[in-house]
Amino acid sequence: MEAFWSSLLLKTDGFNGNPMAKHLSLQHNQASHFEQWLRLFNETCQDHENQAMAELALDYAQLIARSFWFAYQFKHNPTQLATERHLP
């Protein structure tokens, strides 16, 4: 997890995984799970002493949650129109 966020925020080279594949393999995900993750992520970012970095991390988290949610819907319900989830 640390290597993933370091690669995004600090542009390090320590991460080479595929988090999208891990999330797509899960069953029974719901928009509320992504919304809860973002709420917790937001709370953590508010407590960070470097607010510029925290804002960047939250921006990435919102993009990631949206991307994963759409991909999850397409994989598990390919004949249904994907729905947007609401940011906390």
N, C-alpha and C. Protein backbone atom coordinates (compact mmCIF):
# COMPACT_ATOMS: atom_id res chain seq x y z
N MET A 1 0.83 -1.18 0.00
CA MET A 1 0.00 0.00 0.00
C MET A 1 0.88 1.26 0.00
N GLU A 2 1.91 1.22 0.84
CA GLU A 2 2.81 2.36 0.91
C GLU A 2 3.50 2.60 -0.43
N ALA A 3 3.94 1.53 -1.08
CA ALA A 3 4.62 1.67 -2.38
C ALA A 3 3.66 2.22 -3.44
N PHE A 4 2.39 1.80 -3.39
CA PHE A 4 1.41 2.29 -4.35
C PHE A 4 1.24 3.80 -4.22
N TRP A 5 0.97 4.27 -3.00
CA TRP A 5 0.74 5.70 -2.81
C TRP A 5 2.01 6.51 -3.01
N SER A 6 3.14 5.96 -2.65
CA SER A 6 4.41 6.63 -2.91
C SER A 6 4.64 6.82 -4.41
N SER A 7 4.28 5.81 -5.19
CA SER A 7 4.45 5.92 -6.64
C SER A 7 3.57 7.02 -7.23
N LEU A 8 2.37 7.20 -6.68
CA LEU A 8 1.48 8.26 -7.17
C LEU A 8 1.90 9.64 -6.69
N LEU A 9 2.13 9.75 -5.40
CA LEU A 9 2.35 11.07 -4.80
C LEU A 9 3.78 11.57 -4.91
N LEU A 10 4.73 10.65 -4.82
CA LEU A 10 6.13 11.05 -4.82
C LEU A 10 6.88 10.63 -6.09
N LYS A 11 6.14 9.95 -6.98
CA LYS A 11 6.70 9.49 -8.27
C LYS A 11 7.88 8.54 -8.08
N THR A 12 7.79 7.67 -7.05
CA THR A 12 8.82 6.66 -6.85
C THR A 12 8.54 5.47 -7.75
N ASP A 13 9.49 4.57 -7.84
CA ASP A 13 9.37 3.41 -8.72
C ASP A 13 9.15 2.10 -7.98
N GLY A 14 8.70 2.13 -6.75
CA GLY A 14 8.63 0.92 -5.95
C GLY A 14 7.39 0.06 -6.12
N PHE A 15 6.43 0.47 -6.95
CA PHE A 15 5.18 -0.29 -7.06
C PHE A 15 5.05 -0.85 -8.48
N ASN A 16 4.68 -2.15 -8.55
CA ASN A 16 4.44 -2.75 -9.86
C ASN A 16 3.28 -3.75 -9.82
N GLY A 17 2.28 -3.50 -9.00
CA GLY A 17 1.13 -4.39 -8.87
C GLY A 17 -0.01 -3.99 -9.78
N ASN A 18 -1.15 -4.65 -9.57
CA ASN A 18 -2.35 -4.37 -10.36
C ASN A 18 -3.56 -4.31 -9.41
N PRO A 19 -3.76 -3.16 -8.75
CA PRO A 19 -4.86 -3.07 -7.80
C PRO A 19 -6.23 -3.19 -8.45
N MET A 20 -6.37 -2.78 -9.70
CA MET A 20 -7.65 -2.90 -10.39
C MET A 20 -8.08 -4.36 -10.46
N ALA A 21 -7.19 -5.24 -10.84
CA ALA A 21 -7.53 -6.67 -10.95
C ALA A 21 -7.97 -7.24 -9.61
N LYS A 22 -7.30 -6.85 -8.55
CA LYS A 22 -7.68 -7.33 -7.21
C LYS A 22 -9.10 -6.90 -6.85
N HIS A 23 -9.44 -5.67 -7.14
CA HIS A 23 -10.77 -5.16 -6.80
C HIS A 23 -11.84 -5.75 -7.70
N LEU A 24 -11.52 -5.97 -8.96
CA LEU A 24 -12.52 -6.54 -9.88
C LEU A 24 -12.86 -7.98 -9.53
N SER A 25 -11.94 -8.68 -8.90
CA SER A 25 -12.18 -10.08 -8.56
C SER A 25 -13.11 -10.23 -7.34
N LEU A 26 -13.31 -9.17 -6.59
CA LEU A 26 -14.18 -9.22 -5.42
C LEU A 26 -15.64 -9.34 -5.86
N GLN A 27 -16.41 -10.04 -5.08
CA GLN A 27 -17.85 -10.18 -5.36
C GLN A 27 -18.63 -9.26 -4.43
N HIS A 28 -19.76 -8.82 -4.88
CA HIS A 28 -20.74 -8.08 -4.06
C HIS A 28 -20.28 -6.70 -3.61
N ASN A 29 -19.39 -6.06 -4.37
CA ASN A 29 -19.06 -4.68 -4.07
C ASN A 29 -20.27 -3.81 -4.38
N GLN A 30 -20.41 -2.75 -3.63
CA GLN A 30 -21.49 -1.79 -3.84
C GLN A 30 -20.90 -0.39 -3.82
N ALA A 31 -21.63 0.54 -4.39
CA ALA A 31 -21.19 1.94 -4.38
C ALA A 31 -20.90 2.40 -2.96
N SER A 32 -21.69 1.94 -2.02
CA SER A 32 -21.50 2.37 -0.62
C SER A 32 -20.13 1.96 -0.08
N HIS A 33 -19.56 0.86 -0.57
CA HIS A 33 -18.22 0.46 -0.13
C HIS A 33 -17.18 1.48 -0.59
N PHE A 34 -17.31 1.94 -1.82
CA PHE A 34 -16.38 2.94 -2.34
C PHE A 34 -16.58 4.28 -1.63
N GLU A 35 -17.82 4.62 -1.35
CA GLU A 35 -18.11 5.86 -0.64
C GLU A 35 -17.55 5.83 0.78
N GLN A 36 -17.67 4.69 1.44
CA GLN A 36 -17.12 4.54 2.79
C GLN A 36 -15.60 4.65 2.77
N TRP A 37 -14.97 4.03 1.79
CA TRP A 37 -13.52 4.13 1.66
C TRP A 37 -13.10 5.59 1.48
N LEU A 38 -13.84 6.32 0.65
CA LEU A 38 -13.50 7.73 0.44
C LEU A 38 -13.73 8.56 1.70
N ARG A 39 -14.77 8.26 2.46
CA ARG A 39 -14.99 8.99 3.71
C ARG A 39 -13.81 8.79 4.67
N LEU A 40 -13.39 7.54 4.81
CA LEU A 40 -12.26 7.23 5.70
C LEU A 40 -10.97 7.86 5.18
N PHE A 41 -10.78 7.81 3.87
CA PHE A 41 -9.60 8.41 3.26
C PHE A 41 -9.59 9.91 3.51
N ASN A 42 -10.74 10.54 3.35
CA ASN A 42 -10.86 11.97 3.57
C ASN A 42 -10.55 12.33 5.02
N GLU A 43 -11.06 11.56 5.96
CA GLU A 43 -10.77 11.81 7.38
C GLU A 43 -9.27 11.72 7.65
N THR A 44 -8.64 10.73 7.07
CA THR A 44 -7.19 10.56 7.25
C THR A 44 -6.43 11.75 6.65
N CYS A 45 -6.85 12.19 5.48
CA CYS A 45 -6.18 13.32 4.83
C CYS A 45 -6.34 14.61 5.62
N GLN A 46 -7.47 14.80 6.26
CA GLN A 46 -7.70 16.02 7.04
C GLN A 46 -6.73 16.12 8.21
N ASP A 47 -6.29 14.96 8.72
CA ASP A 47 -5.37 14.94 9.86
C ASP A 47 -3.91 15.03 9.45
N HIS A 48 -3.63 15.02 8.15
CA HIS A 48 -2.24 15.03 7.68
C HIS A 48 -1.65 16.43 7.82
N GLU A 49 -0.41 16.51 8.27
CA GLU A 49 0.20 17.83 8.48
C GLU A 49 0.52 18.55 7.17
N ASN A 50 0.77 17.80 6.09
CA ASN A 50 1.05 18.42 4.79
C ASN A 50 -0.25 18.44 3.99
N GLN A 51 -0.99 19.54 4.10
CA GLN A 51 -2.30 19.61 3.48
C GLN A 51 -2.25 19.63 1.95
N ALA A 52 -1.19 20.16 1.37
CA ALA A 52 -1.07 20.12 -0.09
C ALA A 52 -0.97 18.68 -0.58
N MET A 53 -0.17 17.87 0.11
CA MET A 53 -0.03 16.46 -0.25
C MET A 53 -1.33 15.72 0.04
N ALA A 54 -1.98 16.06 1.13
CA ALA A 54 -3.25 15.41 1.48
C ALA A 54 -4.31 15.69 0.43
N GLU A 55 -4.37 16.91 -0.08
CA GLU A 55 -5.33 17.25 -1.13
C GLU A 55 -5.04 16.49 -2.41
N LEU A 56 -3.77 16.36 -2.76
CA LEU A 56 -3.39 15.59 -3.93
C LEU A 56 -3.78 14.12 -3.76
N ALA A 57 -3.52 13.58 -2.59
CA ALA A 57 -3.88 12.19 -2.31
C ALA A 57 -5.39 11.99 -2.42
N LEU A 58 -6.16 12.93 -1.89
CA LEU A 58 -7.62 12.82 -1.96
C LEU A 58 -8.11 12.92 -3.40
N ASP A 59 -7.49 13.78 -4.20
CA ASP A 59 -7.85 13.87 -5.62
C ASP A 59 -7.61 12.52 -6.31
N TYR A 60 -6.46 11.93 -6.06
CA TYR A 60 -6.16 10.62 -6.63
C TYR A 60 -7.16 9.57 -6.14
N ALA A 61 -7.47 9.60 -4.85
CA ALA A 61 -8.40 8.62 -4.29
C ALA A 61 -9.77 8.72 -4.94
N GLN A 62 -10.24 9.93 -5.19
CA GLN A 62 -11.53 10.11 -5.84
C GLN A 62 -11.51 9.57 -7.27
N LEU A 63 -10.44 9.82 -8.00
CA LEU A 63 -10.31 9.29 -9.36
C LEU A 63 -10.24 7.77 -9.36
N ILE A 64 -9.49 7.23 -8.42
CA ILE A 64 -9.33 5.78 -8.33
C ILE A 64 -10.67 5.12 -7.97
N ALA A 65 -11.36 5.66 -6.99
CA ALA A 65 -12.65 5.09 -6.59
C ALA A 65 -13.63 5.11 -7.76
N ARG A 66 -13.68 6.20 -8.48
CA ARG A 66 -14.60 6.31 -9.62
C ARG A 66 -14.23 5.31 -10.70
N SER A 67 -12.96 5.24 -11.01
CA SER A 67 -12.48 4.31 -12.04
C SER A 67 -12.76 2.86 -11.66
N PHE A 68 -12.44 2.50 -10.43
CA PHE A 68 -12.68 1.12 -9.97
C PHE A 68 -14.16 0.79 -9.97
N TRP A 69 -15.00 1.75 -9.53
CA TRP A 69 -16.44 1.50 -9.47
C TRP A 69 -17.02 1.28 -10.86
N PHE A 70 -16.63 2.10 -11.82
CA PHE A 70 -17.11 1.90 -13.19
C PHE A 70 -16.62 0.58 -13.76
N ALA A 71 -15.35 0.27 -13.58
CA ALA A 71 -14.80 -1.00 -14.08
C ALA A 71 -15.49 -2.19 -13.43
N TYR A 72 -15.75 -2.09 -12.13
CA TYR A 72 -16.44 -3.18 -11.42
C TYR A 72 -17.83 -3.40 -12.01
N GLN A 73 -18.55 -2.33 -12.24
CA GLN A 73 -19.89 -2.46 -12.80
C GLN A 73 -19.85 -3.09 -14.19
N PHE A 74 -18.93 -2.64 -15.03
CA PHE A 74 -18.83 -3.18 -16.38
C PHE A 74 -18.49 -4.67 -16.38
N LYS A 75 -17.63 -5.06 -15.45
CA LYS A 75 -17.25 -6.47 -15.39
C LYS A 75 -18.39 -7.34 -14.89
N HIS A 76 -19.08 -6.93 -13.86
CA HIS A 76 -20.08 -7.77 -13.21
C HIS A 76 -21.50 -7.60 -13.77
N ASN A 77 -21.76 -6.51 -14.47
CA ASN A 77 -23.07 -6.27 -15.08
C ASN A 77 -22.89 -5.63 -16.45
N PRO A 78 -22.30 -6.36 -17.40
CA PRO A 78 -21.93 -5.74 -18.68
C PRO A 78 -23.11 -5.25 -19.52
N THR A 79 -24.30 -5.72 -19.25
CA THR A 79 -25.45 -5.28 -20.06
C THR A 79 -26.20 -4.11 -19.43
N GLN A 80 -25.78 -3.67 -18.24
CA GLN A 80 -26.44 -2.56 -17.57
C GLN A 80 -25.59 -1.30 -17.66
N LEU A 81 -26.27 -0.18 -17.75
CA LEU A 81 -25.58 1.11 -17.76
C LEU A 81 -24.96 1.36 -16.39
N ALA A 82 -23.71 1.74 -16.38
CA ALA A 82 -23.02 2.00 -15.11
C ALA A 82 -23.61 3.23 -14.44
N THR A 83 -23.61 3.21 -13.12
CA THR A 83 -24.11 4.35 -12.35
C THR A 83 -22.96 5.07 -11.69
N GLU A 84 -23.13 6.36 -11.54
CA GLU A 84 -22.15 7.17 -10.83
C GLU A 84 -22.32 6.95 -9.34
N ARG A 85 -21.27 7.06 -8.58
CA ARG A 85 -21.38 6.99 -7.14
C ARG A 85 -21.19 8.40 -6.61
N HIS A 86 -21.64 8.63 -5.41
CA HIS A 86 -21.61 9.97 -4.84
C HIS A 86 -20.38 10.13 -3.94
N LEU A 87 -19.66 11.19 -4.14
CA LEU A 87 -18.52 11.46 -3.28
C LEU A 87 -19.00 11.97 -1.93
N PRO A 88 -18.35 11.54 -0.87
CA PRO A 88 -18.72 12.04 0.46
C PRO A 88 -18.32 13.50 0.60
